[in-house]
């Protein structure tokens, strides 16, 4: 059967195809058999199992090249733009993508955002100290600042793990002491040059 990919969630590894028969078919990422990553709008060929789910999914041969070329052009343009990014550019990108747990992030994106948080924390702490605020007050504001950065930090960390071909669920190791060691190693690793289920390389 033929159809169009209408949605794919990399976080849960599931998607939906609108079949040419007018029906929608859900599928698991393991049934995606094409060498390209799933993307909305792709025309696909697929079979349907007894549970009315799409299986053995391939991008239609005539549609594969245009989709792949368009995706590559957009990605290449984004990489060229990011070559000129500085501390604040990476920070703004991470804040804009505060709830984006898909895709990939290069080392610069993750570590510049981490550096910004350290600098802003030191600046605010120093300013409050000069103004004579009590330790309890400084701790309260520091807690609010950490809470503000929590979600975008987790999202950036997940994307950084994706870039070295690791599942974002490994970020849960940050809540353990010994788990911080492998997380540190993975976040300083070079970008994996191969495409994976989370997209093209981040650099």
Foldseek 3Di string as FASTA:
>chain_A
DKFWWADADLQQQKGWTQHPVRDIAIDGNVQEDEPAADDGGFIWDFDADPVRHTGNIYGDPVRVVVVVVVQVVVLVVVLVVCVPDDLVNLLVVLLVCLQAQFAADFLCSLVSNVVVLVVVLVVVLVVCVVVPDDPVVNVVVNVVSCVSCVRSNLSNLSRLLVQQPHHSVLVVLVVPDVSVVVSVVSSPDGGDCDADNRGGHND
